[in-house]
Amino acid sequence: EFHRLREGALTATRREVGSSVWQVFDGRGQVTVGDRRWSVERGDLFVV
């Protein structure tokens, strides 16, 4: 999938069975997975 968020947008908190890998294509944001939180930017990868 490919996701695009407007500046200032915040997603709902979601859980699902199965794992995923995300890569930032462009922009900057904050990611919270469980009790971990990071700032991410272009190219960064994170696992859920």
All heavy atoms as atom14 arrays in JSON, in Angstrom:
{
  "sequence": "EFHRLREGALTATRREVGSSVWQVFDGRGQVTVGDRRWSVERGDLFVV",
  "atom14_mask": [
    [1, 1, 1, 1, 1, 1, 1, 1, 1, 0, 0, 0, 0, 0],
    [1, 1, 1, 1, 1, 1, 1, 1, 1, 1, 1, 0, 0, 0],
    [1, 1, 1, 1, 1, 1, 1, 1, 1, 1, 0, 0, 0, 0],
    [1, 1, 1, 1, 1, 1, 1, 1, 1, 1, 1, 0, 0, 0],
    [1, 1, 1, 1, 1, 1, 1, 1, 0, 0, 0, 0, 0, 0],
    [1, 1, 1, 1, 1, 1, 1, 1, 1, 1, 1, 0, 0, 0],
    [1, 1, 1, 1, 1, 1, 1, 1, 1, 0, 0, 0, 0, 0],
    [1, 1, 1, 1, 0, 0, 0, 0, 0, 0, 0, 0, 0, 0],
    [1, 1, 1, 1, 1, 0, 0, 0, 0, 0, 0, 0, 0, 0],
    [1, 1, 1, 1, 1, 1, 1, 1, 0, 0, 0, 0, 0, 0],
    [1, 1, 1, 1, 1, 1, 1, 0, 0, 0, 0, 0, 0, 0],
    [1, 1, 1, 1, 1, 0, 0, 0, 0, 0, 0, 0, 0, 0],
    [1, 1, 1, 1, 1, 1, 1, 0, 0, 0, 0, 0, 0, 0],
    [1, 1, 1, 1, 1, 1, 1, 1, 1, 1, 1, 0, 0, 0],
    [1, 1, 1, 1, 1, 1, 1, 1, 1, 1, 1, 0, 0, 0],
    [1, 1, 1, 1, 1, 1, 1, 1, 1, 0, 0, 0, 0, 0],
    [1, 1, 1, 1, 1, 1, 1, 0, 0, 0, 0, 0, 0, 0],
    [1, 1, 1, 1, 0, 0, 0, 0, 0, 0, 0, 0, 0, 0],
    [1, 1, 1, 1, 1, 1, 0, 0, 0, 0, 0, 0, 0, 0],
    [1, 1, 1, 1, 1, 1, 0, 0, 0, 0, 0, 0, 0, 0],
    [1, 1, 1, 1, 1, 1, 1, 0, 0, 0, 0, 0, 0, 0],
    [1, 1, 1, 1, 1, 1, 1, 1, 1, 1, 1, 1, 1, 1],
    [1, 1, 1, 1, 1, 1, 1, 1, 1, 0, 0, 0, 0, 0],
    [1, 1, 1, 1, 1, 1, 1, 0, 0, 0, 0, 0, 0, 0],
    [1, 1, 1, 1, 1, 1, 1, 1, 1, 1, 1, 0, 0, 0],
    [1, 1, 1, 1, 1, 1, 1, 1, 0, 0, 0, 0, 0, 0],
    [1, 1, 1, 1, 0, 0, 0, 0, 0, 0, 0, 0, 0, 0],
    [1, 1, 1, 1, 1, 1, 1, 1, 1, 1, 1, 0, 0, 0],
    [1, 1, 1, 1, 0, 0, 0, 0, 0, 0, 0, 0, 0, 0],
    [1, 1, 1, 1, 1, 1, 1, 1, 1, 0, 0, 0, 0, 0],
    [1, 1, 1, 1, 1, 1, 1, 0, 0, 0, 0, 0, 0, 0],
    [1, 1, 1, 1, 1, 1, 1, 0, 0, 0, 0, 0, 0, 0],
    [1, 1, 1, 1, 1, 1, 1, 0, 0, 0, 0, 0, 0, 0],
    [1, 1, 1, 1, 0, 0, 0, 0, 0, 0, 0, 0, 0, 0],
    [1, 1, 1, 1, 1, 1, 1, 1, 0, 0, 0, 0, 0, 0],
    [1, 1, 1, 1, 1, 1, 1, 1, 1, 1, 1, 0, 0, 0],
    [1, 1, 1, 1, 1, 1, 1, 1, 1, 1, 1, 0, 0, 0],
    [1, 1, 1, 1, 1, 1, 1, 1, 1, 1, 1, 1, 1, 1],
    [1, 1, 1, 1, 1, 1, 0, 0, 0, 0, 0, 0, 0, 0],
    [1, 1, 1, 1, 1, 1, 1, 0, 0, 0, 0, 0, 0, 0],
    [1, 1, 1, 1, 1, 1, 1, 1, 1, 0, 0, 0, 0, 0],
    [1, 1, 1, 1, 1, 1, 1, 1, 1, 1, 1, 0, 0, 0],
    [1, 1, 1, 1, 0, 0, 0, 0, 0, 0, 0, 0, 0, 0],
    [1, 1, 1, 1, 1, 1, 1, 1, 0, 0, 0, 0, 0, 0],
    [1, 1, 1, 1, 1, 1, 1, 1, 0, 0, 0, 0, 0, 0],
    [1, 1, 1, 1, 1, 1, 1, 1, 1, 1, 1, 0, 0, 0],
    [1, 1, 1, 1, 1, 1, 1, 0, 0, 0, 0, 0, 0, 0],
    [1, 1, 1, 1, 1, 1, 1, 0, 0, 0, 0, 0, 0, 0]
  ],
  "atom14_positions": [
    [[0.84, -1.2, 0.0], [0.0, 0.0, 0.0], [0.87, 1.25, 0.0], [2.06, 1.2, 0.33], [-0.91, 0.02, 1.24], [-1.89, -1.12, 1.33], [-2.69, -1.13, 2.62], [-2.26, -0.48, 3.6], [-3.74, -1.8, 2.65], [0.0, 0.0, 0.0], [0.0, 0.0, 0.0], [0.0, 0.0, 0.0], [0.0, 0.0, 0.0], [0.0, 0.0, 0.0]],
    [[0.24, 2.37, -0.32], [0.9, 3.67, -0.21], [-0.05, 4.6, 0.52], [-1.25, 4.66, 0.22], [1.25, 4.23, -1.59], [2.45, 5.13, -1.57], [3.67, 4.7, -2.06], [2.36, 6.41, -1.05], [4.79, 5.54, -2.03], [3.46, 7.25, -1.01], [4.68, 6.81, -1.5], [0.0, 0.0, 0.0], [0.0, 0.0, 0.0], [0.0, 0.0, 0.0]],
    [[0.49, 5.32, 1.51], [-0.32, 6.21, 2.35], [0.22, 7.63, 2.27], [1.43, 7.84, 2.22], [-0.28, 5.74, 3.81], [-0.93, 4.41, 4.03], [-2.12, 4.26, 4.71], [-0.57, 3.15, 3.63], [-2.46, 2.99, 4.73], [-1.53, 2.3, 4.1], [0.0, 0.0, 0.0], [0.0, 0.0, 0.0], [0.0, 0.0, 0.0], [0.0, 0.0, 0.0]],
    [[-0.7, 8.58, 2.27], [-0.32, 10.01, 2.26], [-1.13, 10.74, 3.34], [-2.36, 10.64, 3.37], [-0.59, 10.62, 0.89], [-0.37, 12.14, 0.85], [-0.4, 12.67, -0.58], [0.79, 12.22, -1.31], [0.95, 12.39, -2.63], [0.01, 12.98, -3.36], [2.06, 11.97, -3.21], [0.0, 0.0, 0.0], [0.0, 0.0, 0.0], [0.0, 0.0, 0.0]],
    [[-0.42, 11.46, 4.2], [-1.06, 12.25, 5.25], [-0.8, 13.73, 5.01], [0.33, 14.13, 4.68], [-0.5, 11.86, 6.63], [-1.16, 10.68, 7.36], [-0.92, 9.38, 6.59], [-0.61, 10.55, 8.77], [0.0, 0.0, 0.0], [0.0, 0.0, 0.0], [0.0, 0.0, 0.0], [0.0, 0.0, 0.0], [0.0, 0.0, 0.0], [0.0, 0.0, 0.0]],
    [[-1.84, 14.53, 5.17], [-1.65, 15.98, 5.12], [-0.82, 16.43, 6.32], [-0.78, 15.75, 7.36], [-2.99, 16.69, 5.21], [-3.96, 16.48, 4.08], [-5.17, 17.35, 4.35], [-6.28, 17.06, 3.46], [-6.46, 17.61, 2.27], [-5.58, 18.48, 1.82], [-7.54, 17.31, 1.53], [0.0, 0.0, 0.0], [0.0, 0.0, 0.0], [0.0, 0.0, 0.0]],
    [[-0.18, 17.56, 6.19], [0.52, 18.15, 7.33], [-0.44, 18.3, 8.51], [-1.56, 18.8, 8.36], [1.08, 19.52, 6.94], [1.84, 20.22, 8.06], [2.41, 21.55, 7.62], [2.38, 21.86, 6.4], [2.89, 22.3, 8.51], [0.0, 0.0, 0.0], [0.0, 0.0, 0.0], [0.0, 0.0, 0.0], [0.0, 0.0, 0.0], [0.0, 0.0, 0.0]],
    [[-0.05, 17.82, 9.69], [-0.86, 17.91, 10.88], [-1.85, 16.78, 11.08], [-2.48, 16.69, 12.14], [0.0, 0.0, 0.0], [0.0, 0.0, 0.0], [0.0, 0.0, 0.0], [0.0, 0.0, 0.0], [0.0, 0.0, 0.0], [0.0, 0.0, 0.0], [0.0, 0.0, 0.0], [0.0, 0.0, 0.0], [0.0, 0.0, 0.0], [0.0, 0.0, 0.0]],
    [[-2.01, 15.9, 10.09], [-2.96, 14.8, 10.22], [-2.44, 13.75, 11.2], [-1.23, 13.54, 11.33], [-3.23, 14.15, 8.87], [0.0, 0.0, 0.0], [0.0, 0.0, 0.0], [0.0, 0.0, 0.0], [0.0, 0.0, 0.0], [0.0, 0.0, 0.0], [0.0, 0.0, 0.0], [0.0, 0.0, 0.0], [0.0, 0.0, 0.0], [0.0, 0.0, 0.0]],
    [[-3.36, 13.09, 11.87], [-3.03, 12.03, 12.83], [-3.95, 10.85, 12.57], [-5.17, 11.0, 12.55], [-3.2, 12.53, 14.26], [-2.88, 11.53, 15.39], [-1.38, 11.26, 15.44], [-3.37, 12.07, 16.73], [0.0, 0.0, 0.0], [0.0, 0.0, 0.0], [0.0, 0.0, 0.0], [0.0, 0.0, 0.0], [0.0, 0.0, 0.0], [0.0, 0.0, 0.0]],
    [[-3.38, 9.67, 12.38], [-4.21, 8.49, 12.12], [-4.84, 8.0, 13.41], [-4.34, 8.24, 14.52], [-3.38, 7.34, 11.51], [-2.48, 6.83, 12.5], [-2.6, 7.8, 10.3], [0.0, 0.0, 0.0], [0.0, 0.0, 0.0], [0.0, 0.0, 0.0], [0.0, 0.0, 0.0], [0.0, 0.0, 0.0], [0.0, 0.0, 0.0], [0.0, 0.0, 0.0]],
    [[-5.92, 7.26, 13.28], [-6.47, 6.52, 14.41], [-5.46, 5.44, 14.8], [-4.63, 5.01, 13.99], [-7.8, 5.88, 14.03], [0.0, 0.0, 0.0], [0.0, 0.0, 0.0], [0.0, 0.0, 0.0], [0.0, 0.0, 0.0], [0.0, 0.0, 0.0], [0.0, 0.0, 0.0], [0.0, 0.0, 0.0], [0.0, 0.0, 0.0], [0.0, 0.0, 0.0]],
    [[-5.51, 5.01, 16.04], [-4.65, 3.92, 16.51], [-5.26, 2.6, 16.07], [-6.43, 2.32, 16.34], [-4.5, 3.96, 18.03], [-3.93, 5.21, 18.4], [-3.61, 2.83, 18.52], [0.0, 0.0, 0.0], [0.0, 0.0, 0.0], [0.0, 0.0, 0.0], [0.0, 0.0, 0.0], [0.0, 0.0, 0.0], [0.0, 0.0, 0.0], [0.0, 0.0, 0.0]],
    [[-4.45, 1.8, 15.39], [-4.96, 0.57, 14.77], [-4.08, -0.62, 15.13], [-2.86, -0.49, 15.18], [-4.99, 0.76, 13.25], [-5.52, -0.44, 12.47], [-5.48, -0.18, 10.97], [-5.98, -1.32, 10.2], [-7.25, -1.51, 9.89], [-8.16, -0.62, 10.26], [-7.63, -2.57, 9.2], [0.0, 0.0, 0.0], [0.0, 0.0, 0.0], [0.0, 0.0, 0.0]],
    [[-4.7, -1.76, 15.36], [-4.0, -3.03, 15.55], [-4.47, -4.0, 14.47], [-5.64, -3.96, 14.06], [-4.34, -3.67, 16.9], [-3.98, -2.89, 18.15], [-4.53, -3.64, 19.35], [-4.34, -2.91, 20.6], [-3.4, -3.2, 21.49], [-2.57, -4.22, 21.25], [-3.3, -2.5, 22.6], [0.0, 0.0, 0.0], [0.0, 0.0, 0.0], [0.0, 0.0, 0.0]],
    [[-3.59, -4.9, 14.04], [-4.04, -5.98, 13.18], [-3.15, -7.21, 13.35], [-1.97, -7.09, 13.72], [-4.09, -5.55, 11.72], [-2.76, -5.27, 11.06], [-2.94, -5.0, 9.56], [-3.93, -4.33, 9.18], [-2.1, -5.47, 8.79], [0.0, 0.0, 0.0], [0.0, 0.0, 0.0], [0.0, 0.0, 0.0], [0.0, 0.0, 0.0], [0.0, 0.0, 0.0]],
    [[-3.74, -8.37, 13.12], [-2.97, -9.61, 13.13], [-2.06, -9.61, 11.9], [-2.49, -9.28, 10.8], [-3.92, -10.83, 13.1], [-3.14, -12.11, 12.79], [-4.64, -10.96, 14.42], [0.0, 0.0, 0.0], [0.0, 0.0, 0.0], [0.0, 0.0, 0.0], [0.0, 0.0, 0.0], [0.0, 0.0, 0.0], [0.0, 0.0, 0.0], [0.0, 0.0, 0.0]],
    [[-0.81, -9.98, 12.11], [0.17, -9.94, 11.04], [1.08, -8.74, 11.2], [0.74, -7.77, 11.89], [0.0, 0.0, 0.0], [0.0, 0.0, 0.0], [0.0, 0.0, 0.0], [0.0, 0.0, 0.0], [0.0, 0.0, 0.0], [0.0, 0.0, 0.0], [0.0, 0.0, 0.0], [0.0, 0.0, 0.0], [0.0, 0.0, 0.0], [0.0, 0.0, 0.0]],
    [[2.22, -8.78, 10.57], [3.23, -7.75, 10.73], [3.36, -6.91, 9.46], [2.93, -7.32, 8.38], [4.58, -8.39, 11.07], [4.92, -9.37, 10.1], [0.0, 0.0, 0.0], [0.0, 0.0, 0.0], [0.0, 0.0, 0.0], [0.0, 0.0, 0.0], [0.0, 0.0, 0.0], [0.0, 0.0, 0.0], [0.0, 0.0, 0.0], [0.0, 0.0, 0.0]],
    [[3.98, -5.74, 9.61], [4.17, -4.86, 8.45], [5.48, -4.11, 8.58], [6.01, -3.91, 9.67], [3.0, -3.87, 8.32], [2.86, -3.09, 9.48], [0.0, 0.0, 0.0], [0.0, 0.0, 0.0], [0.0, 0.0, 0.0], [0.0, 0.0, 0.0], [0.0, 0.0, 0.0], [0.0, 0.0, 0.0], [0.0, 0.0, 0.0], [0.0, 0.0, 0.0]],
    [[5.99, -3.7, 7.42], [7.18, -2.87, 7.32], [6.79, -1.61, 6.56], [6.13, -1.7, 5.51], [8.33, -3.59, 6.59], [9.56, -2.69, 6.49], [8.69, -4.9, 7.29], [0.0, 0.0, 0.0], [0.0, 0.0, 0.0], [0.0, 0.0, 0.0], [0.0, 0.0, 0.0], [0.0, 0.0, 0.0], [0.0, 0.0, 0.0], [0.0, 0.0, 0.0]],
    [[7.19, -0.46, 7.07], [6.86, 0.83, 6.46], [8.16, 1.54, 6.09], [9.15, 1.44, 6.81], [6.1, 1.71, 7.43], [4.76, 1.21, 7.87], [4.49, 0.12, 8.64], [3.49, 1.82, 7.6], [3.15, -0.01, 8.86], [2.5, 1.04, 8.24], [3.11, 2.97, 6.9], [1.15, 1.35, 8.18], [1.76, 3.28, 6.84], [0.79, 2.49, 7.46]],
    [[8.13, 2.27, 4.97], [9.25, 3.14, 4.62], [8.72, 4.53, 4.28], [7.76, 4.68, 3.53], [10.05, 2.6, 3.44], [11.29, 3.45, 3.14], [12.28, 2.82, 2.19], [11.89, 2.13, 1.25], [13.56, 3.06, 2.42], [0.0, 0.0, 0.0], [0.0, 0.0, 0.0], [0.0, 0.0, 0.0], [0.0, 0.0, 0.0], [0.0, 0.0, 0.0]],
    [[9.36, 5.53, 4.87], [8.99, 6.92, 4.59], [9.52, 7.28, 3.19], [10.72, 7.23, 2.94], [9.57, 7.88, 5.64], [9.2, 9.32, 5.3], [9.08, 7.5, 7.04], [0.0, 0.0, 0.0], [0.0, 0.0, 0.0], [0.0, 0.0, 0.0], [0.0, 0.0, 0.0], [0.0, 0.0, 0.0], [0.0, 0.0, 0.0], [0.0, 0.0, 0.0]],
    [[8.61, 7.67, 2.32], [9.01, 8.07, 0.98], [9.38, 9.54, 0.95], [10.33, 9.95, 0.29], [7.87, 7.79, 0.0], [8.19, 8.13, -1.42], [9.17, 7.44, -2.12], [7.51, 9.15, -2.07], [9.47, 7.75, -3.45], [7.8, 9.48, -3.39], [8.78, 8.77, -4.08], [0.0, 0.0, 0.0], [0.0, 0.0, 0.0], [0.0, 0.0, 0.0]],
    [[8.63, 10.34, 1.69], [8.92, 11.78, 1.75], [8.24, 12.38, 2.97], [7.22, 11.86, 3.45], [8.43, 12.49, 0.49], [9.46, 13.49, -0.03], [10.39, 13.84, 0.73], [9.33, 13.92, -1.19], [0.0, 0.0, 0.0], [0.0, 0.0, 0.0], [0.0, 0.0, 0.0], [0.0, 0.0, 0.0], [0.0, 0.0, 0.0], [0.0, 0.0, 0.0]],
    [[8.81, 13.48, 3.47], [8.22, 14.2, 4.58], [8.78, 13.77, 5.93], [9.7, 12.96, 6.02], [0.0, 0.0, 0.0], [0.0, 0.0, 0.0], [0.0, 0.0, 0.0], [0.0, 0.0, 0.0], [0.0, 0.0, 0.0], [0.0, 0.0, 0.0], [0.0, 0.0, 0.0], [0.0, 0.0, 0.0], [0.0, 0.0, 0.0], [0.0, 0.0, 0.0]],
    [[8.18, 14.33, 6.99], [8.57, 14.02, 8.36], [7.33, 13.77, 9.2], [6.27, 14.37, 8.97], [9.36, 15.19, 9.0], [10.67, 15.52, 8.34], [11.47, 16.51, 9.19], [10.67, 17.6, 9.69], [10.38, 18.7, 8.99], [10.83, 18.82, 7.75], [9.65, 19.67, 9.53], [0.0, 0.0, 0.0], [0.0, 0.0, 0.0], [0.0, 0.0, 0.0]],
    [[7.48, 12.89, 10.19], [6.35, 12.6, 11.04], [6.75, 11.92, 12.32], [7.95, 11.71, 12.59], [0.0, 0.0, 0.0], [0.0, 0.0, 0.0], [0.0, 0.0, 0.0], [0.0, 0.0, 0.0], [0.0, 0.0, 0.0], [0.0, 0.0, 0.0], [0.0, 0.0, 0.0], [0.0, 0.0, 0.0], [0.0, 0.0, 0.0], [0.0, 0.0, 0.0]],
    [[5.75, 11.59, 13.12], [5.92, 10.88, 14.38], [5.19, 9.54, 14.27], [4.04, 9.49, 13.84], [5.34, 11.69, 15.54], [6.02, 13.01, 15.78], [7.33, 12.85, 16.53], [7.51, 11.91, 17.28], [8.25, 13.78, 16.31], [0.0, 0.0, 0.0], [0.0, 0.0, 0.0], [0.0, 0.0, 0.0], [0.0, 0.0, 0.0], [0.0, 0.0, 0.0]],
    [[5.88, 8.48, 14.68], [5.3, 7.15, 14.63], [5.31, 6.57, 16.05], [6.34, 6.61, 16.73], [6.11, 6.23, 13.69], [5.6, 4.8, 13.76], [6.06, 6.75, 12.27], [0.0, 0.0, 0.0], [0.0, 0.0, 0.0], [0.0, 0.0, 0.0], [0.0, 0.0, 0.0], [0.0, 0.0, 0.0], [0.0, 0.0, 0.0], [0.0, 0.0, 0.0]],
    [[4.18, 6.02, 16.47], [4.09, 5.34, 17.76], [3.66, 3.9, 17.51], [2.61, 3.65, 16.91], [3.08, 6.03, 18.69], [3.44, 7.4, 18.86], [3.06, 5.34, 20.05], [0.0, 0.0, 0.0], [0.0, 0.0, 0.0], [0.0, 0.0, 0.0], [0.0, 0.0, 0.0], [0.0, 0.0, 0.0], [0.0, 0.0, 0.0], [0.0, 0.0, 0.0]],
    [[4.5, 2.95, 17.95], [4.19, 1.52, 17.85], [4.3, 0.94, 19.25], [5.39, 0.89, 19.82], [5.16, 0.79, 16.9], [4.74, -0.68, 16.77], [5.2, 1.45, 15.53], [0.0, 0.0, 0.0], [0.0, 0.0, 0.0], [0.0, 0.0, 0.0], [0.0, 0.0, 0.0], [0.0, 0.0, 0.0], [0.0, 0.0, 0.0], [0.0, 0.0, 0.0]],
    [[3.17, 0.53, 19.81], [3.18, 0.07, 21.19], [3.64, 1.2, 22.1], [3.1, 2.3, 22.09], [0.0, 0.0, 0.0], [0.0, 0.0, 0.0], [0.0, 0.0, 0.0], [0.0, 0.0, 0.0], [0.0, 0.0, 0.0], [0.0, 0.0, 0.0], [0.0, 0.0, 0.0], [0.0, 0.0, 0.0], [0.0, 0.0, 0.0], [0.0, 0.0, 0.0]],
    [[4.69, 0.92, 22.89], [5.22, 1.97, 23.79], [6.45, 2.65, 23.22], [7.14, 3.38, 23.91], [5.54, 1.37, 25.16], [6.57, 0.24, 25.08], [7.03, -0.08, 23.96], [6.9, -0.33, 26.13], [0.0, 0.0, 0.0], [0.0, 0.0, 0.0], [0.0, 0.0, 0.0], [0.0, 0.0, 0.0], [0.0, 0.0, 0.0], [0.0, 0.0, 0.0]],
    [[6.73, 2.45, 21.92], [7.86, 3.09, 21.27], [7.38, 4.25, 20.4], [6.33, 4.16, 19.77], [8.63, 2.08, 20.39], [9.14, 0.85, 21.12], [10.21, 1.19, 22.13], [11.31, 1.93, 21.54], [12.33, 1.37, 20.87], [12.37, 0.05, 20.69], [13.3, 2.11, 20.39], [0.0, 0.0, 0.0], [0.0, 0.0, 0.0], [0.0, 0.0, 0.0]],
    [[8.18, 5.32, 20.38], [7.8, 6.51, 19.59], [9.06, 7.07, 18.94], [10.1, 7.21, 19.58], [7.16, 7.56, 20.49], [6.7, 8.83, 19.76], [6.03, 9.78, 20.74], [5.72, 11.06, 20.15], [4.59, 11.34, 19.5], [3.67, 10.4, 19.38], [4.37, 12.54, 18.98], [0.0, 0.0, 0.0], [0.0, 0.0, 0.0], [0.0, 0.0, 0.0]],
    [[8.95, 7.39, 17.63], [10.1, 7.94, 16.91], [9.65, 9.08, 15.99], [8.53, 9.1, 15.51], [10.75, 6.9, 16.02], [11.01, 5.57, 16.62], [11.99, 5.23, 17.51], [10.28, 4.36, 16.38], [11.93, 3.91, 17.83], [10.89, 3.34, 17.16], [9.19, 4.03, 15.58], [10.43, 2.03, 17.16], [8.73, 2.72, 15.59], [9.34, 1.75, 16.37]],
    [[10.59, 9.97, 15.73], [10.48, 10.87, 14.59], [11.09, 10.17, 13.39], [12.14, 9.54, 13.5], [11.22, 12.18, 14.87], [10.6, 12.89, 15.92], [0.0, 0.0, 0.0], [0.0, 0.0, 0.0], [0.0, 0.0, 0.0], [0.0, 0.0, 0.0], [0.0, 0.0, 0.0], [0.0, 0.0, 0.0], [0.0, 0.0, 0.0], [0.0, 0.0, 0.0]],
    [[10.43, 10.26, 12.24], [10.93, 9.6, 11.03], [10.95, 10.59, 9.88], [10.2, 11.56, 9.84], [10.06, 8.38, 10.67], [10.2, 7.26, 11.7], [8.58, 8.76, 10.5], [0.0, 0.0, 0.0], [0.0, 0.0, 0.0], [0.0, 0.0, 0.0], [0.0, 0.0, 0.0], [0.0, 0.0, 0.0], [0.0, 0.0, 0.0], [0.0, 0.0, 0.0]],
    [[11.83, 10.31, 8.92], [11.94, 11.15, 7.75], [12.3, 10.28, 6.56], [12.39, 9.05, 6.68], [13.0, 12.24, 7.97], [14.37, 11.72, 8.29], [15.34, 12.85, 8.65], [14.89, 13.98, 8.89], [16.56, 12.58, 8.66], [0.0, 0.0, 0.0], [0.0, 0.0, 0.0], [0.0, 0.0, 0.0], [0.0, 0.0, 0.0], [0.0, 0.0, 0.0]],
    [[12.53, 10.91, 5.43], [12.69, 10.22, 4.16], [13.66, 9.04, 4.24], [14.79, 9.18, 4.71], [13.18, 11.21, 3.11], [13.43, 10.62, 1.74], [13.64, 11.74, 0.75], [14.18, 11.27, -0.52], [14.29, 12.03, -1.6], [13.89, 13.29, -1.55], [14.8, 11.55, -2.71], [0.0, 0.0, 0.0], [0.0, 0.0, 0.0], [0.0, 0.0, 0.0]],
    [[13.19, 7.89, 3.8], [14.0, 6.67, 3.72], [13.93, 5.8, 4.95], [14.22, 4.6, 4.87], [0.0, 0.0, 0.0], [0.0, 0.0, 0.0], [0.0, 0.0, 0.0], [0.0, 0.0, 0.0], [0.0, 0.0, 0.0], [0.0, 0.0, 0.0], [0.0, 0.0, 0.0], [0.0, 0.0, 0.0], [0.0, 0.0, 0.0], [0.0, 0.0, 0.0]],
    [[13.58, 6.35, 6.11], [13.56, 5.56, 7.34], [12.56, 4.42, 7.23], [11.47, 4.56, 6.63], [13.19, 6.43, 8.54], [14.28, 7.42, 8.91], [15.41, 7.28, 8.4], [14.0, 8.33, 9.71], [0.0, 0.0, 0.0], [0.0, 0.0, 0.0], [0.0, 0.0, 0.0], [0.0, 0.0, 0.0], [0.0, 0.0, 0.0], [0.0, 0.0, 0.0]],
    [[12.91, 3.28, 7.84], [12.06, 2.09, 7.84], [11.69, 1.74, 9.27], [12.52, 1.84, 10.17], [12.78, 0.91, 7.19], [13.05, 1.04, 5.69], [14.52, 0.81, 5.41], [12.21, 0.04, 4.92], [0.0, 0.0, 0.0], [0.0, 0.0, 0.0], [0.0, 0.0, 0.0], [0.0, 0.0, 0.0], [0.0, 0.0, 0.0], [0.0, 0.0, 0.0]],
    [[10.46, 1.31, 9.46], [10.08, 0.83, 10.79], [9.16, -0.37, 10.67], [8.51, -0.58, 9.65], [9.43, 1.94, 11.64], [8.17, 2.53, 11.08], [6.93, 2.03, 11.44], [8.21, 3.63, 10.21], [5.76, 2.58, 10.95], [7.05, 4.2, 9.72], [5.81, 3.67, 10.09], [0.0, 0.0, 0.0], [0.0, 0.0, 0.0], [0.0, 0.0, 0.0]],
    [[9.15, -1.18, 11.74], [8.42, -2.44, 11.77], [7.29, -2.36, 12.79], [7.47, -1.82, 13.89], [9.38, -3.6, 12.14], [8.61, -4.82, 12.6], [10.23, -3.97, 10.94], [0.0, 0.0, 0.0], [0.0, 0.0, 0.0], [0.0, 0.0, 0.0], [0.0, 0.0, 0.0], [0.0, 0.0, 0.0], [0.0, 0.0, 0.0], [0.0, 0.0, 0.0]],
    [[6.14, -2.9, 12.41], [5.0, -3.02, 13.31], [4.71, -4.5, 13.52], [4.2, -5.16, 12.62], [3.75, -2.31, 12.75], [2.6, -2.38, 13.74], [4.06, -0.86, 12.4], [0.0, 0.0, 0.0], [0.0, 0.0, 0.0], [0.0, 0.0, 0.0], [0.0, 0.0, 0.0], [0.0, 0.0, 0.0], [0.0, 0.0, 0.0], [0.0, 0.0, 0.0]]
  ]
}
